[in-house]
Amino acid sequence: ELVIQQMPIQVRCKTCRAETAATANRLLCGECGDWQTELLSGDELLLERVEMQTEQ
């Protein structure tokens, strides 16, 4: 079983420097609407556990 938990996407605007939430297809600044943003979070992938069985 593989469980994926999506993390919220956060961006920082290069124009007004605001840090706001964004959506995957629209990385726009939530304050001024500019498209010149940098991704702060939301692209992480953390593998918490692997369970394996061996053939005996």
N, C-alpha and C. Protein backbone atom coordinates (compact mmCIF):
# COMPACT_ATOMS: atom_id res chain seq x y z
N GLU A 1 0.85 -1.18 0.00
CA GLU A 1 0.00 0.00 0.00
C GLU A 1 0.89 1.23 0.00
N LEU A 2 0.59 2.15 -0.87
CA LEU A 2 1.31 3.41 -0.96
C LEU A 2 0.34 4.53 -0.63
N VAL A 3 0.64 5.28 0.41
CA VAL A 3 -0.21 6.40 0.82
C VAL A 3 0.56 7.68 0.55
N ILE A 4 -0.05 8.57 -0.22
CA ILE A 4 0.59 9.84 -0.56
C ILE A 4 -0.21 10.96 0.08
N GLN A 5 0.47 11.79 0.84
CA GLN A 5 -0.16 12.94 1.47
C GLN A 5 0.40 14.19 0.81
N GLN A 6 -0.47 14.96 0.18
CA GLN A 6 -0.01 16.18 -0.48
C GLN A 6 0.18 17.29 0.54
N MET A 7 1.27 18.02 0.37
CA MET A 7 1.56 19.15 1.24
C MET A 7 1.12 20.43 0.53
N PRO A 8 0.73 21.44 1.29
CA PRO A 8 0.31 22.70 0.68
C PRO A 8 1.48 23.34 -0.08
N ILE A 9 1.16 23.96 -1.21
CA ILE A 9 2.17 24.64 -2.01
C ILE A 9 2.29 26.07 -1.50
N GLN A 10 3.50 26.47 -1.17
CA GLN A 10 3.79 27.83 -0.72
C GLN A 10 4.79 28.45 -1.68
N VAL A 11 4.56 29.71 -2.06
CA VAL A 11 5.47 30.42 -2.95
C VAL A 11 5.85 31.76 -2.33
N ARG A 12 7.00 32.29 -2.76
CA ARG A 12 7.42 33.64 -2.39
C ARG A 12 7.47 34.46 -3.68
N CYS A 13 6.82 35.60 -3.66
CA CYS A 13 6.78 36.48 -4.82
C CYS A 13 8.10 37.23 -4.95
N LYS A 14 8.67 37.25 -6.14
CA LYS A 14 9.92 37.97 -6.38
C LYS A 14 9.68 39.47 -6.51
N THR A 15 8.42 39.87 -6.71
CA THR A 15 8.09 41.28 -6.85
C THR A 15 7.77 41.93 -5.51
N CYS A 16 6.78 41.38 -4.78
CA CYS A 16 6.36 42.00 -3.52
C CYS A 16 6.88 41.27 -2.29
N ARG A 17 7.56 40.13 -2.47
CA ARG A 17 8.18 39.33 -1.41
C ARG A 17 7.18 38.65 -0.48
N ALA A 18 5.90 38.66 -0.81
CA ALA A 18 4.90 37.99 0.02
C ALA A 18 5.04 36.48 -0.10
N GLU A 19 4.77 35.77 0.99
CA GLU A 19 4.75 34.31 1.00
C GLU A 19 3.29 33.88 1.11
N THR A 20 2.80 33.21 0.06
CA THR A 20 1.39 32.86 0.01
C THR A 20 1.20 31.43 -0.49
N ALA A 21 -0.01 30.92 -0.30
CA ALA A 21 -0.37 29.60 -0.82
C ALA A 21 -0.62 29.71 -2.32
N ALA A 22 -0.41 28.61 -3.03
CA ALA A 22 -0.66 28.57 -4.47
C ALA A 22 -1.21 27.19 -4.82
N THR A 23 -1.62 27.03 -6.07
CA THR A 23 -2.07 25.73 -6.55
C THR A 23 -1.08 25.20 -7.58
N ALA A 24 -1.12 23.91 -7.82
CA ALA A 24 -0.11 23.26 -8.67
C ALA A 24 -0.02 23.86 -10.06
N ASN A 25 -1.12 24.23 -10.65
CA ASN A 25 -1.10 24.76 -12.01
C ASN A 25 -1.06 26.28 -12.07
N ARG A 26 -1.09 26.93 -10.93
CA ARG A 26 -1.09 28.39 -10.90
C ARG A 26 -0.21 28.88 -9.75
N LEU A 27 1.06 28.98 -10.02
CA LEU A 27 2.01 29.42 -8.99
C LEU A 27 2.08 30.94 -8.94
N LEU A 28 0.91 31.57 -8.81
CA LEU A 28 0.83 33.02 -8.77
C LEU A 28 0.88 33.52 -7.34
N CYS A 29 1.36 34.75 -7.18
CA CYS A 29 1.37 35.39 -5.86
C CYS A 29 -0.07 35.67 -5.43
N GLY A 30 -0.40 35.29 -4.21
CA GLY A 30 -1.73 35.53 -3.68
C GLY A 30 -1.97 36.98 -3.29
N GLU A 31 -0.92 37.78 -3.20
CA GLU A 31 -1.05 39.19 -2.82
C GLU A 31 -1.19 40.09 -4.04
N CYS A 32 -0.21 40.03 -4.95
CA CYS A 32 -0.21 40.96 -6.09
C CYS A 32 -0.55 40.30 -7.41
N GLY A 33 -0.63 38.96 -7.45
CA GLY A 33 -1.00 38.25 -8.67
C GLY A 33 0.13 38.03 -9.65
N ASP A 34 1.35 38.43 -9.30
CA ASP A 34 2.49 38.26 -10.20
C ASP A 34 2.81 36.78 -10.37
N TRP A 35 3.34 36.42 -11.53
CA TRP A 35 3.71 35.03 -11.81
C TRP A 35 5.16 34.75 -11.47
N GLN A 36 5.94 35.75 -11.12
CA GLN A 36 7.36 35.56 -10.81
C GLN A 36 7.50 35.15 -9.35
N THR A 37 7.37 33.86 -9.11
CA THR A 37 7.43 33.32 -7.75
C THR A 37 8.47 32.22 -7.67
N GLU A 38 8.90 31.96 -6.44
CA GLU A 38 9.78 30.81 -6.20
C GLU A 38 9.07 29.86 -5.25
N LEU A 39 9.24 28.59 -5.49
CA LEU A 39 8.58 27.55 -4.70
C LEU A 39 9.28 27.40 -3.36
N LEU A 40 8.52 27.53 -2.27
CA LEU A 40 9.07 27.36 -0.92
C LEU A 40 8.79 25.97 -0.36
N SER A 41 7.61 25.45 -0.63
CA SER A 41 7.25 24.12 -0.14
C SER A 41 6.14 23.55 -1.00
N GLY A 42 5.98 22.24 -0.89
CA GLY A 42 4.94 21.57 -1.64
C GLY A 42 5.49 20.58 -2.66
N ASP A 43 6.81 20.54 -2.78
CA ASP A 43 7.42 19.60 -3.72
C ASP A 43 8.17 18.48 -3.00
N GLU A 44 7.99 18.40 -1.68
CA GLU A 44 8.70 17.39 -0.89
C GLU A 44 8.07 16.02 -1.09
N LEU A 45 8.90 15.02 -0.92
CA LEU A 45 8.43 13.64 -0.90
C LEU A 45 9.19 12.94 0.21
N LEU A 46 8.47 12.45 1.19
CA LEU A 46 9.08 11.78 2.34
C LEU A 46 8.58 10.35 2.38
N LEU A 47 9.50 9.42 2.30
CA LEU A 47 9.17 8.00 2.41
C LEU A 47 9.27 7.63 3.88
N GLU A 48 8.14 7.31 4.47
CA GLU A 48 8.11 7.05 5.91
C GLU A 48 8.43 5.61 6.26
N ARG A 49 8.03 4.66 5.41
CA ARG A 49 8.24 3.27 5.79
C ARG A 49 8.23 2.39 4.55
N VAL A 50 9.09 1.38 4.56
CA VAL A 50 9.11 0.36 3.52
C VAL A 50 9.01 -0.99 4.20
N GLU A 51 8.07 -1.79 3.78
CA GLU A 51 7.93 -3.14 4.31
C GLU A 51 8.21 -4.11 3.18
N MET A 52 9.11 -5.04 3.42
CA MET A 52 9.49 -5.99 2.39
C MET A 52 9.38 -7.41 2.93
N GLN A 53 9.11 -8.32 2.04
CA GLN A 53 9.08 -9.73 2.39
C GLN A 53 10.11 -10.45 1.54
N THR A 54 10.80 -11.38 2.15
CA THR A 54 11.78 -12.17 1.40
C THR A 54 11.23 -13.56 1.16
N GLU A 55 11.63 -14.13 0.06
CA GLU A 55 11.23 -15.51 -0.23
C GLU A 55 12.13 -16.44 0.55
N GLN A 56 11.54 -17.46 1.16
CA GLN A 56 12.34 -18.41 1.93
C GLN A 56 12.23 -19.79 1.37
